[in-house]
């Protein structure tokens, strides 16, 4: 399970791409959208319950998934700025389970 937090809001998200440098996630369009360069946090919960990686970053890009201004879902690209070794270990472990 993953969440994207920005601007005082929290959104459940689907991880579409993930590396140690960035994440591309899809969120439901429910009001406030993130701004480019806005600080954001991706919370990734490990499936085995061994913790949550709260990885800091900033919004690098957003795009609608449908060619309509009322698009239900938005892709958000987050560039990670966090260098915490423990968080990167959790992220690496999560990525290895995704393959």
N, C-alpha and C. Protein backbone atom coordinates (compact mmCIF):
# COMPACT_ATOMS: atom_id res chain seq x y z
N UNK A 1 0.85 -1.17 0.00
CA UNK A 1 0.00 0.00 0.00
C UNK A 1 0.89 1.24 0.00
N UNK A 2 0.45 2.26 -0.71
CA UNK A 2 1.24 3.49 -0.78
C UNK A 2 0.32 4.70 -0.68
N UNK A 3 0.88 5.79 -0.18
CA UNK A 3 0.18 7.06 -0.08
C UNK A 3 1.09 8.16 -0.57
N UNK A 4 0.49 9.20 -1.10
CA UNK A 4 1.21 10.40 -1.49
C UNK A 4 0.68 11.55 -0.63
N UNK A 5 1.60 12.24 0.03
CA UNK A 5 1.22 13.39 0.86
C UNK A 5 1.84 14.66 0.28
N UNK A 6 1.01 15.68 0.18
CA UNK A 6 1.48 17.00 -0.24
C UNK A 6 0.48 18.04 0.22
N UNK A 7 0.97 19.23 0.53
CA UNK A 7 0.09 20.34 0.86
C UNK A 7 -0.97 20.07 1.91
N UNK A 8 -0.65 19.25 2.91
CA UNK A 8 -1.60 18.95 3.96
C UNK A 8 -2.67 17.93 3.58
N UNK A 9 -2.55 17.29 2.43
CA UNK A 9 -3.51 16.27 2.02
C UNK A 9 -2.81 14.93 1.86
N UNK A 10 -3.58 13.87 1.98
CA UNK A 10 -3.06 12.51 1.81
C UNK A 10 -3.93 11.78 0.79
N UNK A 11 -3.29 11.14 -0.18
CA UNK A 11 -3.99 10.42 -1.23
C UNK A 11 -3.45 9.00 -1.31
N UNK A 12 -4.36 8.00 -1.34
CA UNK A 12 -3.94 6.65 -1.67
C UNK A 12 -3.45 6.69 -3.11
N UNK A 13 -2.43 5.91 -3.40
CA UNK A 13 -1.90 5.95 -4.76
C UNK A 13 -1.49 4.56 -5.22
N UNK A 14 -1.47 4.41 -6.54
CA UNK A 14 -0.97 3.20 -7.18
C UNK A 14 0.41 3.51 -7.73
N UNK A 15 1.39 2.70 -7.38
CA UNK A 15 2.74 2.90 -7.87
C UNK A 15 2.83 2.31 -9.28
N UNK A 16 3.19 3.16 -10.24
CA UNK A 16 3.30 2.73 -11.63
C UNK A 16 4.75 2.44 -12.00
N UNK A 17 5.67 3.23 -11.49
CA UNK A 17 7.11 3.04 -11.69
C UNK A 17 7.81 3.41 -10.39
N UNK A 18 8.93 2.74 -10.12
CA UNK A 18 9.65 3.01 -8.89
C UNK A 18 11.12 2.70 -9.05
N UNK A 19 11.95 3.67 -8.70
CA UNK A 19 13.39 3.47 -8.64
C UNK A 19 13.86 4.09 -7.33
N UNK A 20 15.15 4.04 -7.08
CA UNK A 20 15.68 4.69 -5.88
C UNK A 20 15.72 6.21 -6.03
N UNK A 21 15.49 6.71 -7.24
CA UNK A 21 15.53 8.15 -7.48
C UNK A 21 14.15 8.78 -7.64
N UNK A 22 13.16 8.02 -8.12
CA UNK A 22 11.85 8.63 -8.35
C UNK A 22 10.74 7.59 -8.30
N UNK A 23 9.52 8.12 -8.20
CA UNK A 23 8.32 7.28 -8.27
C UNK A 23 7.31 7.96 -9.19
N UNK A 24 6.62 7.15 -9.97
CA UNK A 24 5.49 7.62 -10.75
C UNK A 24 4.27 6.95 -10.16
N UNK A 25 3.34 7.75 -9.66
CA UNK A 25 2.15 7.21 -9.00
C UNK A 25 0.90 7.80 -9.64
N UNK A 26 -0.19 7.09 -9.50
CA UNK A 26 -1.50 7.57 -9.95
C UNK A 26 -2.36 7.82 -8.73
N UNK A 27 -2.98 9.00 -8.71
CA UNK A 27 -3.90 9.34 -7.62
C UNK A 27 -5.25 9.71 -8.22
N UNK A 28 -6.28 9.58 -7.41
CA UNK A 28 -7.61 9.98 -7.84
C UNK A 28 -7.70 11.50 -7.76
N UNK A 29 -8.26 12.12 -8.78
CA UNK A 29 -8.42 13.58 -8.82
C UNK A 29 -9.58 13.97 -7.90
N UNK A 30 -9.23 14.41 -6.71
CA UNK A 30 -10.23 14.76 -5.71
C UNK A 30 -9.92 16.14 -5.14
N UNK A 31 -10.07 17.15 -5.95
CA UNK A 31 -9.84 18.50 -5.45
C UNK A 31 -8.45 19.00 -5.71
N UNK A 32 -7.70 19.22 -4.64
CA UNK A 32 -6.38 19.85 -4.74
C UNK A 32 -5.39 18.98 -5.52
N UNK A 33 -4.70 19.63 -6.46
CA UNK A 33 -3.64 18.97 -7.21
C UNK A 33 -2.29 19.47 -6.72
N UNK A 34 -1.26 18.63 -6.79
CA UNK A 34 0.06 19.10 -6.39
C UNK A 34 0.61 20.08 -7.43
N UNK A 35 1.48 20.96 -6.99
CA UNK A 35 2.15 21.90 -7.88
C UNK A 35 3.54 21.38 -8.21
N UNK A 36 4.04 21.76 -9.38
CA UNK A 36 5.40 21.40 -9.76
C UNK A 36 6.35 21.99 -8.71
N UNK A 37 7.34 21.22 -8.30
CA UNK A 37 8.35 21.55 -7.28
C UNK A 37 7.80 21.58 -5.85
N UNK A 38 6.53 21.23 -5.66
CA UNK A 38 5.98 21.18 -4.30
C UNK A 38 6.59 19.99 -3.55
N UNK A 39 6.90 20.20 -2.28
CA UNK A 39 7.41 19.11 -1.47
C UNK A 39 6.33 18.05 -1.31
N UNK A 40 6.76 16.79 -1.32
CA UNK A 40 5.82 15.68 -1.20
C UNK A 40 6.51 14.53 -0.48
N UNK A 41 5.70 13.62 0.05
CA UNK A 41 6.21 12.43 0.73
C UNK A 41 5.46 11.23 0.18
N UNK A 42 6.21 10.20 -0.20
CA UNK A 42 5.62 8.93 -0.61
C UNK A 42 5.79 7.97 0.55
N UNK A 43 4.67 7.48 1.08
CA UNK A 43 4.68 6.50 2.17
C UNK A 43 4.45 5.13 1.55
N UNK A 44 5.43 4.23 1.70
CA UNK A 44 5.32 2.89 1.15
C UNK A 44 5.37 1.89 2.29
N UNK A 45 4.26 1.17 2.47
CA UNK A 45 4.16 0.18 3.54
C UNK A 45 4.61 -1.17 3.01
N UNK A 46 5.50 -1.81 3.75
CA UNK A 46 5.96 -3.13 3.34
C UNK A 46 4.85 -4.14 3.57
N UNK A 47 4.74 -5.10 2.66
CA UNK A 47 3.68 -6.10 2.73
C UNK A 47 3.83 -7.01 3.94
N UNK A 48 5.03 -7.19 4.41
CA UNK A 48 5.24 -8.08 5.55
C UNK A 48 5.06 -7.36 6.89
N UNK A 49 4.63 -6.09 6.84
CA UNK A 49 4.38 -5.34 8.06
C UNK A 49 5.62 -4.88 8.79
N UNK A 50 6.78 -4.93 8.14
CA UNK A 50 8.03 -4.56 8.80
C UNK A 50 8.33 -3.07 8.76
N UNK A 51 7.35 -2.27 8.43
CA UNK A 51 7.57 -0.83 8.48
C UNK A 51 7.08 -0.09 7.26
N UNK A 52 7.19 1.22 7.38
CA UNK A 52 6.77 2.13 6.33
C UNK A 52 7.96 3.01 5.98
N UNK A 53 8.24 3.12 4.69
CA UNK A 53 9.27 4.06 4.24
C UNK A 53 8.57 5.35 3.88
N UNK A 54 8.93 6.43 4.55
CA UNK A 54 8.38 7.76 4.27
C UNK A 54 9.47 8.53 3.54
N UNK A 55 9.37 8.55 2.21
CA UNK A 55 10.45 9.07 1.40
C UNK A 55 10.11 10.48 0.92
N UNK A 56 10.97 11.43 1.27
CA UNK A 56 10.77 12.83 0.92
C UNK A 56 11.21 13.10 -0.50
N UNK A 57 10.52 14.02 -1.14
CA UNK A 57 10.87 14.41 -2.49
C UNK A 57 10.11 15.65 -2.91
N UNK A 58 10.07 15.87 -4.22
CA UNK A 58 9.30 16.99 -4.75
C UNK A 58 8.62 16.56 -6.04
N UNK A 59 7.54 17.24 -6.36
CA UNK A 59 6.77 16.93 -7.56
C UNK A 59 7.54 17.42 -8.78
N UNK A 60 7.82 16.50 -9.69
CA UNK A 60 8.56 16.83 -10.91
C UNK A 60 7.63 16.99 -12.11
N UNK A 61 6.51 16.28 -12.10
CA UNK A 61 5.56 16.38 -13.22
C UNK A 61 4.21 15.85 -12.79
N UNK A 62 3.16 16.40 -13.41
CA UNK A 62 1.82 15.86 -13.24
C UNK A 62 1.17 15.80 -14.63
N UNK A 63 0.28 14.82 -14.80
CA UNK A 63 -0.44 14.74 -16.07
C UNK A 63 -1.76 14.00 -15.85
N UNK A 64 -2.75 14.39 -16.62
CA UNK A 64 -4.06 13.73 -16.57
C UNK A 64 -3.96 12.41 -17.34
N UNK A 65 -4.65 11.41 -16.85
CA UNK A 65 -4.64 10.11 -17.53
C UNK A 65 -5.63 10.05 -18.68
N UNK A 66 -6.55 11.00 -18.72
CA UNK A 66 -7.55 11.05 -19.78
C UNK A 66 -7.46 12.41 -20.46
N UNK A 67 -7.76 12.50 -21.75
CA UNK A 67 -7.70 13.78 -22.45
C UNK A 67 -8.93 14.64 -22.18
N UNK A 68 -9.18 14.88 -20.90
CA UNK A 68 -10.37 15.61 -20.48
C UNK A 68 -10.02 16.38 -19.22
N UNK A 69 -10.50 17.62 -19.11
CA UNK A 69 -10.17 18.41 -17.92
C UNK A 69 -10.84 17.87 -16.66
N UNK A 70 -11.75 16.93 -16.81
CA UNK A 70 -12.38 16.27 -15.66
C UNK A 70 -11.83 14.87 -15.45
N UNK A 71 -10.60 14.66 -15.85
CA UNK A 71 -9.95 13.36 -15.71
C UNK A 71 -10.07 12.86 -14.27
N UNK A 72 -10.41 11.59 -14.13
CA UNK A 72 -10.60 11.01 -12.79
C UNK A 72 -9.29 10.71 -12.08
N UNK A 73 -8.24 10.46 -12.86
CA UNK A 73 -6.96 10.09 -12.26
C UNK A 73 -5.83 10.95 -12.82
N UNK A 74 -4.83 11.17 -11.99
CA UNK A 74 -3.69 12.01 -12.31
C UNK A 74 -2.41 11.21 -12.06
N UNK A 75 -1.48 11.25 -13.00
CA UNK A 75 -0.13 10.71 -12.77
C UNK A 75 0.72 11.80 -12.13
N UNK A 76 1.47 11.42 -11.11
CA UNK A 76 2.36 12.36 -10.43
C UNK A 76 3.75 11.74 -10.38
N UNK A 77 4.73 12.45 -10.89
CA UNK A 77 6.13 12.01 -10.81
C UNK A 77 6.79 12.72 -9.64
N UNK A 78 7.37 11.93 -8.73
CA UNK A 78 8.05 12.45 -7.56
C UNK A 78 9.52 12.13 -7.66
N UNK A 79 10.36 13.14 -7.58
CA UNK A 79 11.81 12.94 -7.54
C UNK A 79 12.22 12.90 -6.07
N UNK A 80 12.86 11.82 -5.65
CA UNK A 80 13.24 11.68 -4.24
C UNK A 80 14.44 12.55 -3.91
N UNK A 81 14.37 13.21 -2.76
CA UNK A 81 15.48 14.03 -2.28
C UNK A 81 16.03 13.47 -0.97
N UNK A 82 15.45 12.37 -0.51
CA UNK A 82 15.84 11.75 0.76
C UNK A 82 17.06 10.85 0.55
N UNK A 83 18.03 10.97 1.43
CA UNK A 83 19.23 10.12 1.34
C UNK A 83 19.41 9.22 2.56
N UNK A 84 18.35 9.01 3.32
CA UNK A 84 18.40 8.20 4.52
C UNK A 84 18.63 6.73 4.14
N UNK A 85 19.71 6.15 4.62
CA UNK A 85 20.08 4.78 4.25
C UNK A 85 19.01 3.76 4.65
N UNK A 86 18.39 3.94 5.81
CA UNK A 86 17.35 3.00 6.25
C UNK A 86 16.14 3.04 5.32
N UNK A 87 15.74 4.24 4.90
CA UNK A 87 14.61 4.37 3.99
C UNK A 87 14.94 3.75 2.63
N UNK A 88 16.16 3.95 2.16
CA UNK A 88 16.55 3.39 0.88
C UNK A 88 16.59 1.87 0.94
N UNK A 89 16.96 1.32 2.10
CA UNK A 89 16.95 -0.14 2.26
C UNK A 89 15.53 -0.68 2.18
N UNK A 90 14.59 -0.02 2.86
CA UNK A 90 13.18 -0.44 2.80
C UNK A 90 12.67 -0.33 1.36
N UNK A 91 13.02 0.77 0.70
CA UNK A 91 12.61 0.96 -0.68
C UNK A 91 13.19 -0.13 -1.59
N UNK A 92 14.46 -0.44 -1.43
CA UNK A 92 15.09 -1.49 -2.23
C UNK A 92 14.41 -2.84 -2.01
N UNK A 93 14.10 -3.13 -0.77
CA UNK A 93 13.42 -4.39 -0.44
C UNK A 93 12.03 -4.42 -1.09
N UNK A 94 11.31 -3.33 -1.02
CA UNK A 94 9.99 -3.24 -1.64
C UNK A 94 10.09 -3.46 -3.15
N UNK A 95 11.08 -2.81 -3.78
CA UNK A 95 11.27 -2.93 -5.23
C UNK A 95 11.58 -4.37 -5.62
N UNK A 96 12.37 -5.07 -4.82
CA UNK A 96 12.71 -6.46 -5.15
C UNK A 96 11.48 -7.37 -5.07
N UNK A 97 10.53 -7.03 -4.21
CA UNK A 97 9.30 -7.83 -4.10
C UNK A 97 8.32 -7.53 -5.24
N UNK A 98 8.47 -6.34 -5.87
CA UNK A 98 7.58 -5.96 -6.96
C UNK A 98 7.88 -6.72 -8.24
N UNK A 99 9.10 -7.20 -8.40
CA UNK A 99 9.51 -7.83 -9.65
C UNK A 99 8.94 -9.20 -9.82
